[in-house]
Amino acid sequence: GGTRRGRYYPVPCPDFALAVRDAL
Protein backbone atom coordinates (compact mmCIF):
# COMPACT_ATOMS: atom_id res chain seq x y z
CA GLY A 1 0.00 0.00 0.00
CA GLY A 2 1.11 3.58 -0.53
CA THR A 3 4.71 3.50 -1.72
CA ARG A 4 5.14 -0.14 -0.68
CA ARG A 5 4.61 -2.09 -3.91
CA GLY A 6 5.44 -5.67 -2.98
CA ARG A 7 6.66 -8.05 -0.33
CA TYR A 8 7.49 -11.69 0.23
CA TYR A 9 7.50 -14.23 3.04
CA PRO A 10 10.18 -16.98 3.14
CA VAL A 11 9.06 -20.57 3.72
CA PRO A 12 10.95 -23.87 3.95
CA CYS A 13 8.86 -25.98 1.59
CA PRO A 14 6.01 -25.87 -0.96
CA ASP A 15 3.45 -27.13 1.58
CA PHE A 16 4.12 -24.15 3.85
CA ALA A 17 4.08 -21.81 0.85
CA LEU A 18 0.61 -23.01 -0.09
CA ALA A 19 -0.60 -22.69 3.52
CA VAL A 20 0.71 -19.11 3.86
CA ARG A 21 -0.71 -18.17 0.47
CA ASP A 22 -4.10 -19.60 1.39
CA ALA A 23 -4.12 -17.83 4.79
CA LEU A 24 -3.47 -14.41 3.17
PDB file of all heavy atoms in Angstrom:
ATOM      1  N   GLY A   1       0.840  -1.186   0.000  1.00  0.00           N
ATOM      2  CA  GLY A   1       0.000   0.000   0.000  1.00  0.00           C
ATOM      3  C   GLY A   1       0.874   1.234   0.000  1.00  0.00           C
ATOM      4  O   GLY A   1       2.040   1.179   0.398  1.00  0.00           O
ATOM      5  N   GLY A   2       0.325   2.354  -0.458  1.00  0.00           N
ATOM      6  CA  GLY A   2       1.113   3.582  -0.534  1.00  0.00           C
ATOM      7  C   GLY A   2       2.310   3.383  -1.434  1.00  0.00           C
ATOM      8  O   GLY A   2       2.184   2.908  -2.561  1.00  0.00           O
ATOM      9  N   THR A   3       3.492   3.674  -0.919  1.00  0.00           N
ATOM     10  CA  THR A   3       4.712   3.505  -1.724  1.00  0.00           C
ATOM     11  C   THR A   3       5.231   2.069  -1.692  1.00  0.00           C
ATOM     12  O   THR A   3       6.103   1.719  -2.472  1.00  0.00           O
ATOM     13  CB  THR A   3       5.835   4.437  -1.221  1.00  0.00           C
ATOM     14  OG1 THR A   3       6.132   4.119   0.144  1.00  0.00           O
ATOM     15  CG2 THR A   3       5.431   5.896  -1.344  1.00  0.00           C
ATOM     16  N   ARG A   4       4.714   1.267  -0.803  1.00  0.00           N
ATOM     17  CA  ARG A   4       5.142  -0.136  -0.684  1.00  0.00           C
ATOM     18  C   ARG A   4       4.435  -0.947  -1.763  1.00  0.00           C
ATOM     19  O   ARG A   4       3.238  -1.131  -1.735  1.00  0.00           O
ATOM     20  CB  ARG A   4       4.804  -0.667   0.699  1.00  0.00           C
ATOM     21  CG  ARG A   4       5.342  -2.032   0.955  1.00  0.00           C
ATOM     22  CD  ARG A   4       5.095  -2.407   2.424  1.00  0.00           C
ATOM     23  NE  ARG A   4       5.634  -3.689   2.727  1.00  0.00           N
ATOM     24  CZ  ARG A   4       6.903  -3.936   3.007  1.00  0.00           C
ATOM     25  NH1 ARG A   4       7.781  -2.959   2.995  1.00  0.00           N
ATOM     26  NH2 ARG A   4       7.316  -5.148   3.267  1.00  0.00           N
ATOM     27  N   ARG A   5       5.207  -1.478  -2.716  1.00  0.00           N
ATOM     28  CA  ARG A   5       4.614  -2.088  -3.910  1.00  0.00           C
ATOM     29  C   ARG A   5       4.636  -3.608  -3.911  1.00  0.00           C
ATOM     30  O   ARG A   5       3.986  -4.243  -4.733  1.00  0.00           O
ATOM     31  CB  ARG A   5       5.329  -1.549  -5.138  1.00  0.00           C
ATOM     32  CG  ARG A   5       5.127  -0.043  -5.233  1.00  0.00           C
ATOM     33  CD  ARG A   5       5.956   0.682  -6.266  1.00  0.00           C
ATOM     34  NE  ARG A   5       6.403  -0.080  -7.388  1.00  0.00           N
ATOM     35  CZ  ARG A   5       7.562   0.129  -8.000  1.00  0.00           C
ATOM     36  NH1 ARG A   5       8.381   1.072  -7.581  1.00  0.00           N
ATOM     37  NH2 ARG A   5       7.914  -0.586  -9.052  1.00  0.00           N
ATOM     38  N   GLY A   6       5.375  -4.220  -3.018  1.00  0.00           N
ATOM     39  CA  GLY A   6       5.439  -5.668  -2.977  1.00  0.00           C
ATOM     40  C   GLY A   6       6.100  -6.144  -1.705  1.00  0.00           C
ATOM     41  O   GLY A   6       6.645  -5.361  -0.936  1.00  0.00           O
ATOM     42  N   ARG A   7       6.038  -7.435  -1.502  1.00  0.00           N
ATOM     43  CA  ARG A   7       6.663  -8.051  -0.334  1.00  0.00           C
ATOM     44  C   ARG A   7       6.720  -9.549  -0.569  1.00  0.00           C
ATOM     45  O   ARG A   7       6.066 -10.083  -1.461  1.00  0.00           O
ATOM     46  CB  ARG A   7       5.867  -7.750   0.932  1.00  0.00           C
ATOM     47  CG  ARG A   7       6.436  -8.336   2.209  1.00  0.00           C
ATOM     48  CD  ARG A   7       7.804  -7.785   2.542  1.00  0.00           C
ATOM     49  NE  ARG A   7       8.300  -8.403   3.769  1.00  0.00           N
ATOM     50  CZ  ARG A   7       9.557  -8.722   3.964  1.00  0.00           C
ATOM     51  NH1 ARG A   7      10.455  -8.482   3.053  1.00  0.00           N
ATOM     52  NH2 ARG A   7       9.948  -9.272   5.085  1.00  0.00           N
ATOM     53  N   TYR A   8       7.472 -10.239   0.278  1.00  0.00           N
ATOM     54  CA  TYR A   8       7.495 -11.688   0.234  1.00  0.00           C
ATOM     55  C   TYR A   8       7.697 -12.244   1.637  1.00  0.00           C
ATOM     56  O   TYR A   8       8.110 -11.543   2.553  1.00  0.00           O
ATOM     57  CB  TYR A   8       8.557 -12.207  -0.732  1.00  0.00           C
ATOM     58  CG  TYR A   8       9.966 -12.163  -0.210  1.00  0.00           C
ATOM     59  CD1 TYR A   8      10.494 -13.258   0.466  1.00  0.00           C
ATOM     60  CD2 TYR A   8      10.770 -11.053  -0.397  1.00  0.00           C
ATOM     61  CE1 TYR A   8      11.787 -13.239   0.942  1.00  0.00           C
ATOM     62  CE2 TYR A   8      12.064 -11.025   0.064  1.00  0.00           C
ATOM     63  CZ  TYR A   8      12.563 -12.125   0.741  1.00  0.00           C
ATOM     64  OH  TYR A   8      13.840 -12.095   1.217  1.00  0.00           O
ATOM     65  N   TYR A   9       7.382 -13.516   1.764  1.00  0.00           N
ATOM     66  CA  TYR A   9       7.503 -14.228   3.040  1.00  0.00           C
ATOM     67  C   TYR A   9       8.249 -15.537   2.765  1.00  0.00           C
ATOM     68  O   TYR A   9       7.779 -16.351   1.974  1.00  0.00           O
ATOM     69  CB  TYR A   9       6.100 -14.508   3.589  1.00  0.00           C
ATOM     70  CG  TYR A   9       6.082 -15.008   5.003  1.00  0.00           C
ATOM     71  CD1 TYR A   9       5.972 -14.122   6.060  1.00  0.00           C
ATOM     72  CD2 TYR A   9       6.165 -16.358   5.282  1.00  0.00           C
ATOM     73  CE1 TYR A   9       5.942 -14.579   7.370  1.00  0.00           C
ATOM     74  CE2 TYR A   9       6.144 -16.828   6.585  1.00  0.00           C
ATOM     75  CZ  TYR A   9       6.031 -15.920   7.623  1.00  0.00           C
ATOM     76  OH  TYR A   9       6.010 -16.372   8.923  1.00  0.00           O
ATOM     77  N   PRO A  10       9.415 -15.754   3.391  1.00  0.00           N
ATOM     78  CA  PRO A  10      10.181 -16.978   3.137  1.00  0.00           C
ATOM     79  C   PRO A  10       9.560 -18.184   3.841  1.00  0.00           C
ATOM     80  O   PRO A  10       9.071 -18.080   4.965  1.00  0.00           O
ATOM     81  CB  PRO A  10      11.559 -16.655   3.715  1.00  0.00           C
ATOM     82  CG  PRO A  10      11.304 -15.619   4.749  1.00  0.00           C
ATOM     83  CD  PRO A  10      10.104 -14.842   4.297  1.00  0.00           C
ATOM     84  N   VAL A  11       9.589 -19.320   3.161  1.00  0.00           N
ATOM     85  CA  VAL A  11       9.057 -20.565   3.719  1.00  0.00           C
ATOM     86  C   VAL A  11      10.002 -21.713   3.374  1.00  0.00           C
ATOM     87  O   VAL A  11      10.731 -21.648   2.385  1.00  0.00           O
ATOM     88  CB  VAL A  11       7.636 -20.864   3.188  1.00  0.00           C
ATOM     89  CG1 VAL A  11       6.638 -19.835   3.691  1.00  0.00           C
ATOM     90  CG2 VAL A  11       7.610 -20.906   1.676  1.00  0.00           C
ATOM     91  N   PRO A  12       9.998 -22.777   4.186  1.00  0.00           N
ATOM     92  CA  PRO A  12      10.950 -23.866   3.951  1.00  0.00           C
ATOM     93  C   PRO A  12      10.557 -24.868   2.868  1.00  0.00           C
ATOM     94  O   PRO A  12      11.420 -25.568   2.353  1.00  0.00           O
ATOM     95  CB  PRO A  12      11.027 -24.561   5.314  1.00  0.00           C
ATOM     96  CG  PRO A  12       9.716 -24.268   5.957  1.00  0.00           C
ATOM     97  CD  PRO A  12       9.307 -22.910   5.461  1.00  0.00           C
ATOM     98  N   CYS A  13       9.265 -24.954   2.538  1.00  0.00           N
ATOM     99  CA  CYS A  13       8.857 -25.984   1.585  1.00  0.00           C
ATOM    100  C   CYS A  13       7.559 -25.568   0.879  1.00  0.00           C
ATOM    101  O   CYS A  13       6.858 -24.658   1.337  1.00  0.00           O
ATOM    102  CB  CYS A  13       8.671 -27.321   2.292  1.00  0.00           C
ATOM    103  SG  CYS A  13       7.282 -27.332   3.432  1.00  0.00           S
ATOM    104  N   PRO A  14       7.224 -26.230  -0.218  1.00  0.00           N
ATOM    105  CA  PRO A  14       6.009 -25.873  -0.958  1.00  0.00           C
ATOM    106  C   PRO A  14       4.726 -26.001  -0.139  1.00  0.00           C
ATOM    107  O   PRO A  14       3.801 -25.209  -0.304  1.00  0.00           O
ATOM    108  CB  PRO A  14       5.997 -26.856  -2.136  1.00  0.00           C
ATOM    109  CG  PRO A  14       7.395 -27.295  -2.303  1.00  0.00           C
ATOM    110  CD  PRO A  14       8.006 -27.265  -0.924  1.00  0.00           C
ATOM    111  N   ASP A  15       4.662 -26.973   0.766  1.00  0.00           N
ATOM    112  CA  ASP A  15       3.452 -27.128   1.584  1.00  0.00           C
ATOM    113  C   ASP A  15       3.208 -25.891   2.449  1.00  0.00           C
ATOM    114  O   ASP A  15       2.083 -25.418   2.581  1.00  0.00           O
ATOM    115  CB  ASP A  15       3.541 -28.369   2.460  1.00  0.00           C
ATOM    116  CG  ASP A  15       3.446 -29.656   1.652  1.00  0.00           C
ATOM    117  OD1 ASP A  15       2.920 -29.620   0.511  1.00  0.00           O
ATOM    118  OD2 ASP A  15       3.903 -30.700   2.156  1.00  0.00           O
ATOM    119  N   PHE A  16       4.265 -25.367   3.055  1.00  0.00           N
ATOM    120  CA  PHE A  16       4.120 -24.150   3.850  1.00  0.00           C
ATOM    121  C   PHE A  16       3.780 -22.958   2.958  1.00  0.00           C
ATOM    122  O   PHE A  16       3.003 -22.089   3.338  1.00  0.00           O
ATOM    123  CB  PHE A  16       5.387 -23.849   4.661  1.00  0.00           C
ATOM    124  CG  PHE A  16       5.477 -24.616   5.946  1.00  0.00           C
ATOM    125  CD1 PHE A  16       6.533 -25.476   6.173  1.00  0.00           C
ATOM    126  CD2 PHE A  16       4.514 -24.468   6.935  1.00  0.00           C
ATOM    127  CE1 PHE A  16       6.622 -26.186   7.362  1.00  0.00           C
ATOM    128  CE2 PHE A  16       4.597 -25.163   8.120  1.00  0.00           C
ATOM    129  CZ  PHE A  16       5.656 -26.044   8.342  1.00  0.00           C
ATOM    130  N   ALA A  17       4.379 -22.903   1.787  1.00  0.00           N
ATOM    131  CA  ALA A  17       4.081 -21.807   0.854  1.00  0.00           C
ATOM    132  C   ALA A  17       2.595 -21.789   0.518  1.00  0.00           C
ATOM    133  O   ALA A  17       1.953 -20.733   0.539  1.00  0.00           O
ATOM    134  CB  ALA A  17       4.921 -21.935  -0.411  1.00  0.00           C
ATOM    135  N   LEU A  18       2.042 -22.935   0.223  1.00  0.00           N
ATOM    136  CA  LEU A  18       0.611 -23.006  -0.087  1.00  0.00           C
ATOM    137  C   LEU A  18      -0.237 -22.609   1.114  1.00  0.00           C
ATOM    138  O   LEU A  18      -1.246 -21.908   0.966  1.00  0.00           O
ATOM    139  CB  LEU A  18       0.246 -24.416  -0.562  1.00  0.00           C
ATOM    140  CG  LEU A  18       0.819 -24.812  -1.920  1.00  0.00           C
ATOM    141  CD1 LEU A  18       0.587 -26.298  -2.178  1.00  0.00           C
ATOM    142  CD2 LEU A  18       0.210 -23.965  -3.028  1.00  0.00           C
ATOM    143  N   ALA A  19       0.157 -23.031   2.308  1.00  0.00           N
ATOM    144  CA  ALA A  19      -0.600 -22.694   3.519  1.00  0.00           C
ATOM    145  C   ALA A  19      -0.564 -21.193   3.800  1.00  0.00           C
ATOM    146  O   ALA A  19      -1.584 -20.590   4.154  1.00  0.00           O
ATOM    147  CB  ALA A  19      -0.066 -23.486   4.705  1.00  0.00           C
ATOM    148  N   VAL A  20       0.604 -20.561   3.649  1.00  0.00           N
ATOM    149  CA  VAL A  20       0.714 -19.111   3.861  1.00  0.00           C
ATOM    150  C   VAL A  20      -0.093 -18.374   2.800  1.00  0.00           C
ATOM    151  O   VAL A  20      -0.847 -17.448   3.108  1.00  0.00           O
ATOM    152  CB  VAL A  20       2.189 -18.657   3.860  1.00  0.00           C
ATOM    153  CG1 VAL A  20       2.300 -17.136   3.823  1.00  0.00           C
ATOM    154  CG2 VAL A  20       2.914 -19.212   5.080  1.00  0.00           C
ATOM    155  N   ARG A  21       0.060 -18.791   1.556  1.00  0.00           N
ATOM    156  CA  ARG A  21      -0.708 -18.166   0.471  1.00  0.00           C
ATOM    157  C   ARG A  21      -2.206 -18.253   0.741  1.00  0.00           C
ATOM    158  O   ARG A  21      -2.926 -17.268   0.635  1.00  0.00           O
ATOM    159  CB  ARG A  21      -0.377 -18.834  -0.853  1.00  0.00           C
ATOM    160  CG  ARG A  21      -1.068 -18.145  -2.044  1.00  0.00           C
ATOM    161  CD  ARG A  21      -1.192 -19.038  -3.233  1.00  0.00           C
ATOM    162  NE  ARG A  21      -2.036 -20.189  -2.884  1.00  0.00           N
ATOM    163  CZ  ARG A  21      -2.190 -21.246  -3.645  1.00  0.00           C
ATOM    164  NH1 ARG A  21      -1.541 -21.340  -4.783  1.00  0.00           N
ATOM    165  NH2 ARG A  21      -2.961 -22.245  -3.273  1.00  0.00           N
ATOM    166  N   ASP A  22      -2.679 -19.414   1.128  1.00  0.00           N
ATOM    167  CA  ASP A  22      -4.104 -19.600   1.394  1.00  0.00           C
ATOM    168  C   ASP A  22      -4.578 -18.764   2.576  1.00  0.00           C
ATOM    169  O   ASP A  22      -5.689 -18.238   2.564  1.00  0.00           O
ATOM    170  CB  ASP A  22      -4.420 -21.075   1.624  1.00  0.00           C
ATOM    171  CG  ASP A  22      -4.256 -21.919   0.362  1.00  0.00           C
ATOM    172  OD1 ASP A  22      -4.112 -21.336  -0.747  1.00  0.00           O
ATOM    173  OD2 ASP A  22      -4.266 -23.153   0.500  1.00  0.00           O
ATOM    174  N   ALA A  23      -3.740 -18.614   3.607  1.00  0.00           N
ATOM    175  CA  ALA A  23      -4.118 -17.826   4.788  1.00  0.00           C
ATOM    176  C   ALA A  23      -4.255 -16.335   4.453  1.00  0.00           C
ATOM    177  O   ALA A  23      -5.103 -15.643   5.011  1.00  0.00           O
ATOM    178  CB  ALA A  23      -3.090 -18.022   5.904  1.00  0.00           C
ATOM    179  N   LEU A  24      -3.434 -15.839   3.526  1.00  0.00           N
ATOM    180  CA  LEU A  24      -3.466 -14.411   3.170  1.00  0.00           C
ATOM    181  C   LEU A  24      -4.416 -14.110   2.005  1.00  0.00           C
ATOM    182  O   LEU A  24      -4.758 -12.951   1.775  1.00  0.00           O
ATOM    183  CB  LEU A  24      -2.056 -13.928   2.810  1.00  0.00           C
ATOM    184  CG  LEU A  24      -1.043 -13.943   3.950  1.00  0.00           C
ATOM    185  CD1 LEU A  24       0.350 -13.614   3.433  1.00  0.00           C
ATOM    186  CD2 LEU A  24      -1.454 -12.986   5.064  1.00  0.00           C
TER     187      LEU A  24
END
